[in-house]
């Protein structure tokens, strides 16, 4: 969120109050937070895909007596195929809930940003740029 003085000839000087600066700062903080949350969601979606792939691979396994190593922290513990499948399902459900929670937080931040955009554009018009740089 930057006040730009290079937006063409019709730029008028607008007084930036302390309250305006607080809104601009809040906008920037929330934009950064939303970016972090979206990155976290993507990482969790990748983990979820890995769990789903592991689950699919496990279903292809013919030998029911085979012990499957399952990583818990830094160690691998061997379990039966059924136990491993149950652990994978529990881990997938947990990740789905975490993703849902993060997406909900992103939505509420988007609402805050929307309100701030309306207020800031109403005061500053073309003198402020609140759009994300797609770089």
Protein backbone atom coordinates (compact mmCIF):
# COMPACT_ATOMS: atom_id res chain seq x y z
CA UNK A 1 0.00 0.00 0.00
CA UNK A 2 1.92 2.98 -1.28
CA UNK A 3 0.87 6.55 -1.84
CA UNK A 4 2.00 7.26 -5.37
CA UNK A 5 2.76 10.71 -6.65
CA UNK A 6 3.52 9.48 -10.16
CA UNK A 7 0.05 8.59 -11.36
CA UNK A 8 -0.36 11.25 -14.01
CA UNK A 9 -1.04 14.98 -14.01
CA UNK A 10 -4.28 14.93 -11.97
CA UNK A 11 -2.57 13.99 -8.70
CA UNK A 12 -3.76 16.25 -5.92
CA UNK A 13 -2.14 16.52 -2.52
CA UNK A 14 -4.17 14.60 0.04
CA UNK A 15 -3.45 15.01 3.72
CA UNK A 16 -2.54 11.64 5.26
CA UNK A 17 -3.77 11.57 8.84
CA UNK A 18 -2.49 9.30 11.58
CA UNK A 19 -5.71 7.29 11.24
CA UNK A 20 -5.12 6.93 7.47
CA UNK A 21 -1.58 5.70 8.12
CA UNK A 22 -2.95 3.16 10.63
CA UNK A 23 -5.35 1.86 7.95
CA UNK A 24 -2.56 1.65 5.37
CA UNK A 25 -0.36 -0.24 7.84
CA UNK A 26 -3.23 -2.59 8.75
CA UNK A 27 -3.82 -3.21 5.04
CA UNK A 28 -0.14 -4.08 4.51
CA UNK A 29 0.00 -6.37 7.57
CA UNK A 30 -3.15 -8.22 6.54
CA UNK A 31 -1.96 -8.56 2.94
CA UNK A 32 1.31 -10.12 4.16
CA UNK A 33 -0.56 -12.42 6.56
CA UNK A 34 -2.89 -13.56 3.78
CA UNK A 35 0.10 -14.38 1.55
CA UNK A 36 1.65 -16.46 4.36
CA UNK A 37 -1.63 -18.31 4.96
CA UNK A 38 -2.04 -19.07 1.24
CA UNK A 39 1.51 -20.49 1.14
CA UNK A 40 0.72 -22.61 4.21
CA UNK A 41 -2.47 -23.88 2.52
CA UNK A 42 -0.50 -24.88 -0.59
CA UNK A 43 2.08 -26.75 1.52
CA UNK A 44 -0.69 -28.61 3.38
CA UNK A 45 -2.41 -29.47 0.10
CA UNK A 46 0.87 -31.00 -1.14
CA UNK A 47 1.15 -33.02 2.09
CA UNK A 48 -2.45 -34.15 1.67
CA UNK A 49 -1.73 -35.25 -1.91
CA UNK A 50 1.30 -37.22 -0.67
CA UNK A 51 -0.86 -38.96 1.95
CA UNK A 52 -3.49 -39.78 -0.68
CA UNK A 53 -0.80 -41.20 -2.97
CA UNK A 54 0.59 -43.31 -0.10
CA UNK A 55 -2.91 -44.51 0.71
CA UNK A 56 -3.51 -45.49 -2.94
CA UNK A 57 -0.15 -47.28 -3.10
CA UNK A 58 -0.97 -49.15 0.09
CA UNK A 59 -4.27 -50.38 -1.38
CA UNK A 60 -2.31 -51.91 -4.28
CA UNK A 61 -0.26 -53.97 -1.84
CA UNK A 62 -1.15 -57.68 -2.14
CA UNK A 63 0.53 -58.99 1.01
CA UNK A 64 -1.75 -58.36 4.02
CA UNK A 65 0.88 -59.68 6.43
CA UNK A 66 3.47 -57.14 5.32
CA UNK A 67 4.45 -54.61 7.99
CA UNK A 68 4.45 -51.04 6.69
CA UNK A 69 6.90 -48.48 8.13
CA UNK A 70 5.04 -45.30 9.12
CA UNK A 71 7.00 -42.17 10.01
CA UNK A 72 6.12 -40.53 13.31
CA UNK A 73 8.42 -37.59 13.97
CA UNK A 74 11.96 -38.74 13.20
CA UNK A 75 11.35 -42.48 13.56
CA UNK A 76 9.62 -45.13 11.50
CA UNK A 77 7.33 -47.58 13.27
CA UNK A 78 6.05 -50.66 11.47
CA UNK A 79 2.33 -51.37 11.49
CA UNK A 80 -0.01 -53.75 9.76
CA UNK A 81 -1.48 -52.61 6.48
CA UNK A 82 -4.86 -51.96 8.12
CA UNK A 83 -3.36 -49.92 10.97
CA UNK A 84 -1.27 -47.91 8.52
CA UNK A 85 -4.33 -47.24 6.36
CA UNK A 86 -6.24 -46.02 9.45
CA UNK A 87 -3.32 -43.75 10.42
CA UNK A 88 -3.18 -42.33 6.89
CA UNK A 89 -6.94 -41.66 6.95
CA UNK A 90 -6.66 -39.90 10.32
CA UNK A 91 -3.74 -37.79 9.07
CA UNK A 92 -5.69 -36.88 5.89
CA UNK A 93 -8.75 -35.83 7.91
CA UNK A 94 -6.58 -33.74 10.21
CA UNK A 95 -4.94 -31.98 7.25
CA UNK A 96 -8.32 -31.35 5.60
CA UNK A 97 -9.53 -29.67 8.81
CA UNK A 98 -6.36 -27.55 9.02
CA UNK A 99 -6.77 -26.48 5.38
CA UNK A 100 -10.42 -25.59 5.99
CA UNK A 101 -9.46 -23.52 9.04
CA UNK A 102 -6.72 -21.67 7.13
CA UNK A 103 -9.10 -20.98 4.22
CA UNK A 104 -11.60 -19.55 6.68
CA UNK A 105 -8.91 -17.23 8.07
CA UNK A 106 -8.02 -16.12 4.52
CA UNK A 107 -11.69 -15.31 3.87
CA UNK A 108 -11.99 -13.17 6.98
CA UNK A 109 -8.78 -11.30 6.09
CA UNK A 110 -10.15 -10.72 2.57
CA UNK A 111 -13.23 -9.09 4.14
CA UNK A 112 -11.04 -6.78 6.25
CA UNK A 113 -8.95 -5.89 3.18
CA UNK A 114 -12.11 -5.21 1.17
CA UNK A 115 -13.40 -2.77 3.82
CA UNK A 116 -10.02 -1.03 4.06
CA UNK A 117 -9.79 -0.73 0.25
CA UNK A 118 -13.18 0.97 0.12
CA UNK A 119 -12.20 3.45 2.85
CA UNK A 120 -8.73 4.18 1.46
CA UNK A 121 -9.80 4.50 -2.20
CA UNK A 122 -12.68 6.75 -1.10
CA UNK A 123 -10.19 9.16 0.45
CA UNK A 124 -7.15 8.83 -1.81
CA UNK A 125 -8.60 7.72 -5.15
CA UNK A 126 -5.83 7.22 -7.73
CA UNK A 127 -3.22 8.52 -5.30
CA UNK A 128 -2.98 5.10 -3.67
CA UNK A 129 -2.31 1.66 -5.10
CA UNK A 130 -3.69 -1.24 -3.07
CA UNK A 131 -3.49 -3.92 -5.76
CA UNK A 132 -1.06 -6.79 -5.30
CA UNK A 133 1.93 -6.83 -7.60
CA UNK A 134 1.73 -9.99 -9.69
CA UNK A 135 5.46 -10.62 -9.82
